[in-house]
Amino acid sequence: QVQFVESGGGLVQPGGSLRLSCVASGFAFHVNAMSWYRQPPGKGRELVASVSSANPVKEYADSVAGRFTISRDNAKNTVYLQMNNLRPEDTAVYYCNAGFSRAEYGDWGQGTQVTVSS
């Protein structure tokens, strides 16, 4: 079955950096776009960034453009999110899913908690 396993979150001070990883399985990773989402405390899930399957096209939410970078390693079935210059408003549980700008699957992983606080 489809599975997503996110990791790399933690507590970081404002201005700090984190690199998130998501290992996907149960579908043809290399032909699918991938996206990162986040769910801040008390709010709904929102799209953060997407990367296409080949000749990668990347898109970012306005709130993270210029600070976050999405990338992928098809050999490892893994998508990454490099997050720099983190802000308190980036605090959320981060998830990945297949698809470009929309979630392809209803199955979600456990997510990884990112907390930005001094």
C-alpha atoms as a PDB file:
ATOM      1  CA  GLN A   1       0.000   0.000   0.000  1.00  0.00           C
ATOM      2  CA  VAL A   2       0.967   3.633  -0.376  1.00  0.00           C
ATOM      3  CA  GLN A   3       3.134   4.854   2.468  1.00  0.00           C
ATOM      4  CA  PHE A   4       4.902   8.087   3.327  1.00  0.00           C
ATOM      5  CA  VAL A   5       7.472   8.337   6.129  1.00  0.00           C
ATOM      6  CA  GLU A   6       8.529  11.869   7.023  1.00  0.00           C
ATOM      7  CA  SER A   7      11.504  12.744   9.212  1.00  0.00           C
ATOM      8  CA  GLY A   8      13.937  15.532  10.056  1.00  0.00           C
ATOM      9  CA  GLY A   9      11.771  17.879  12.084  1.00  0.00           C
ATOM     10  CA  GLY A  10      12.683  19.390  15.417  1.00  0.00           C
ATOM     11  CA  LEU A  11      12.972  22.533  17.517  1.00  0.00           C
ATOM     12  CA  VAL A  12      14.972  25.339  15.941  1.00  0.00           C
ATOM     13  CA  GLN A  13      15.507  29.017  16.684  1.00  0.00           C
ATOM     14  CA  PRO A  14      14.270  31.721  14.305  1.00  0.00           C
ATOM     15  CA  GLY A  15      16.709  32.081  11.433  1.00  0.00           C
ATOM     16  CA  GLY A  16      17.789  28.465  11.689  1.00  0.00           C
ATOM     17  CA  SER A  17      17.601  25.651   9.145  1.00  0.00           C
ATOM     18  CA  LEU A  18      16.222  22.138   8.893  1.00  0.00           C
ATOM     19  CA  ARG A  19      16.164  19.500   6.169  1.00  0.00           C
ATOM     20  CA  LEU A  20      13.101  17.277   5.986  1.00  0.00           C
ATOM     21  CA  SER A  21      13.007  13.906   4.237  1.00  0.00           C
ATOM     22  CA  CYS A  22      10.099  11.801   3.040  1.00  0.00           C
ATOM     23  CA  VAL A  23      10.505   8.216   1.891  1.00  0.00           C
ATOM     24  CA  ALA A  24       7.623   7.030  -0.278  1.00  0.00           C
ATOM     25  CA  SER A  25       6.597   3.503  -1.229  1.00  0.00           C
ATOM     26  CA  GLY A  26       3.733   1.588  -2.799  1.00  0.00           C
ATOM     27  CA  PHE A  27       3.586   3.490  -6.106  1.00  0.00           C
ATOM     28  CA  ALA A  28       5.863   4.439  -9.018  1.00  0.00           C
ATOM     29  CA  PHE A  29       7.740   7.264  -7.343  1.00  0.00           C
ATOM     30  CA  HIS A  30       9.856   8.255 -10.321  1.00  0.00           C
ATOM     31  CA  VAL A  31       6.864   9.084 -12.562  1.00  0.00           C
ATOM     32  CA  ASN A  32       4.937  11.026  -9.941  1.00  0.00           C
ATOM     33  CA  ALA A  33       5.229  14.628  -8.903  1.00  0.00           C
ATOM     34  CA  MET A  34       5.680  15.111  -5.162  1.00  0.00           C
ATOM     35  CA  SER A  35       4.602  17.831  -2.779  1.00  0.00           C
ATOM     36  CA  TRP A  36       5.159  18.976   0.779  1.00  0.00           C
ATOM     37  CA  TYR A  37       2.277  20.202   2.921  1.00  0.00           C
ATOM     38  CA  ARG A  38       2.069  21.570   6.441  1.00  0.00           C
ATOM     39  CA  GLN A  39      -0.580  21.922   9.112  1.00  0.00           C
ATOM     40  CA  PRO A  40      -0.004  24.718  11.628  1.00  0.00           C
ATOM     41  CA  PRO A  41      -1.541  24.373  15.113  1.00  0.00           C
ATOM     42  CA  GLY A  42      -5.305  24.806  14.967  1.00  0.00           C
ATOM     43  CA  LYS A  43      -5.352  25.299  11.195  1.00  0.00           C
ATOM     44  CA  GLY A  44      -5.932  23.241   8.068  1.00  0.00           C
ATOM     45  CA  ARG A  45      -3.325  21.574   5.920  1.00  0.00           C
ATOM     46  CA  GLU A  46      -1.707  23.834   3.299  1.00  0.00           C
ATOM     47  CA  LEU A  47       0.507  23.268   0.281  1.00  0.00           C
ATOM     48  CA  VAL A  48       4.142  24.302   0.742  1.00  0.00           C
ATOM     49  CA  ALA A  49       6.040  23.156  -2.355  1.00  0.00           C
ATOM     50  CA  SER A  50       5.789  20.811  -5.335  1.00  0.00           C
ATOM     51  CA  VAL A  51       8.302  19.191  -7.688  1.00  0.00           C
ATOM     52  CA  SER A  52       7.498  17.473 -10.973  1.00  0.00           C
ATOM     53  CA  SER A  53       8.728  14.012 -11.868  1.00  0.00           C
ATOM     54  CA  ALA A  54      11.264  14.870 -14.568  1.00  0.00           C
ATOM     55  CA  ASN A  55      13.167  17.961 -15.745  1.00  0.00           C
ATOM     56  CA  PRO A  56      11.993  19.127 -12.414  1.00  0.00           C
ATOM     57  CA  VAL A  57       9.580  22.013 -12.309  1.00  0.00           C
ATOM     58  CA  LYS A  58       9.246  23.436  -8.824  1.00  0.00           C
ATOM     59  CA  GLU A  59       6.616  25.669  -7.279  1.00  0.00           C
ATOM     60  CA  TYR A  60       6.431  27.239  -3.833  1.00  0.00           C
ATOM     61  CA  ALA A  61       3.863  28.909  -1.657  1.00  0.00           C
ATOM     62  CA  ASP A  62       4.480  32.660  -1.473  1.00  0.00           C
ATOM     63  CA  SER A  63       5.139  32.377   2.252  1.00  0.00           C
ATOM     64  CA  VAL A  64       8.185  30.111   1.752  1.00  0.00           C
ATOM     65  CA  ALA A  65       9.544  31.155  -1.676  1.00  0.00           C
ATOM     66  CA  GLY A  66      13.197  32.099  -1.459  1.00  0.00           C
ATOM     67  CA  ARG A  67      13.654  30.289   1.868  1.00  0.00           C
ATOM     68  CA  PHE A  68      12.630  26.677   1.165  1.00  0.00           C
ATOM     69  CA  THR A  69      13.927  24.342  -1.551  1.00  0.00           C
ATOM     70  CA  ILE A  70      12.235  21.106  -2.635  1.00  0.00           C
ATOM     71  CA  SER A  71      14.276  18.357  -4.275  1.00  0.00           C
ATOM     72  CA  ARG A  72      14.036  14.645  -4.971  1.00  0.00           C
ATOM     73  CA  ASP A  73      16.194  11.534  -5.347  1.00  0.00           C
ATOM     74  CA  ASN A  74      14.372   9.005  -7.511  1.00  0.00           C
ATOM     75  CA  ALA A  75      16.959   6.314  -6.730  1.00  0.00           C
ATOM     76  CA  LYS A  76      15.994   6.552  -3.062  1.00  0.00           C
ATOM     77  CA  ASN A  77      12.249   7.222  -3.500  1.00  0.00           C
ATOM     78  CA  THR A  78      12.828  10.290  -1.363  1.00  0.00           C
ATOM     79  CA  VAL A  79      11.723  13.905  -1.514  1.00  0.00           C
ATOM     80  CA  TYR A  80      13.443  16.590   0.548  1.00  0.00           C
ATOM     81  CA  LEU A  81      12.578  20.031   1.859  1.00  0.00           C
ATOM     82  CA  GLN A  82      15.481  22.277   2.770  1.00  0.00           C
ATOM     83  CA  MET A  83      14.175  25.030   5.029  1.00  0.00           C
ATOM     84  CA  ASN A  84      16.341  28.084   5.693  1.00  0.00           C
ATOM     85  CA  ASN A  85      15.729  31.305   7.605  1.00  0.00           C
ATOM     86  CA  LEU A  86      12.919  29.678   9.541  1.00  0.00           C
ATOM     87  CA  ARG A  87      10.265  31.837  11.175  1.00  0.00           C
ATOM     88  CA  PRO A  88       7.872  31.157  14.058  1.00  0.00           C
ATOM     89  CA  GLU A  89       4.994  31.040  11.561  1.00  0.00           C
ATOM     90  CA  ASP A  90       6.650  28.011   9.919  1.00  0.00           C
ATOM     91  CA  THR A  91       5.766  25.980  13.010  1.00  0.00           C
ATOM     92  CA  ALA A  92       3.628  23.065  11.836  1.00  0.00           C
ATOM     93  CA  VAL A  93       3.476  19.341  11.204  1.00  0.00           C
ATOM     94  CA  TYR A  94       4.946  18.722   7.750  1.00  0.00           C
ATOM     95  CA  TYR A  95       3.685  15.989   5.415  1.00  0.00           C
ATOM     96  CA  CYS A  96       4.458  14.795   1.906  1.00  0.00           C
ATOM     97  CA  ASN A  97       2.228  13.245  -0.745  1.00  0.00           C
ATOM     98  CA  ALA A  98       2.343  12.447  -4.438  1.00  0.00           C
ATOM     99  CA  GLY A  99       0.946  14.912  -6.951  1.00  0.00           C
ATOM    100  CA  PHE A 100       1.700  18.455  -8.094  1.00  0.00           C
ATOM    101  CA  SER A 101      -0.211  21.090  -6.089  1.00  0.00           C
ATOM    102  CA  ARG A 102      -2.760  18.499  -5.000  1.00  0.00           C
ATOM    103  CA  ALA A 103      -2.568  15.322  -2.962  1.00  0.00           C
ATOM    104  CA  GLU A 104      -2.763  12.222  -5.111  1.00  0.00           C
ATOM    105  CA  TYR A 105      -3.481   9.816  -2.286  1.00  0.00           C
ATOM    106  CA  GLY A 106      -5.735   9.876   0.742  1.00  0.00           C
ATOM    107  CA  ASP A 107      -3.121   8.016   2.766  1.00  0.00           C
ATOM    108  CA  TRP A 108      -0.953  10.369   4.781  1.00  0.00           C
ATOM    109  CA  GLY A 109       2.095   9.645   6.909  1.00  0.00           C
ATOM    110  CA  GLN A 110       2.535  10.606  10.537  1.00  0.00           C
ATOM    111  CA  GLY A 111       4.234  13.849   9.561  1.00  0.00           C
ATOM    112  CA  THR A 112       7.225  15.484  11.208  1.00  0.00           C
ATOM    113  CA  GLN A 113       6.887  18.328  13.719  1.00  0.00           C
ATOM    114  CA  VAL A 114       8.774  21.548  13.066  1.00  0.00           C
ATOM    115  CA  THR A 115       8.803  24.089  15.888  1.00  0.00           C
ATOM    116  CA  VAL A 116      10.469  27.472  15.424  1.00  0.00           C
ATOM    117  CA  SER A 117      10.879  29.261  18.716  1.00  0.00           C
ATOM    118  CA  SER A 118      13.458  31.125  20.736  1.00  0.00           C
END
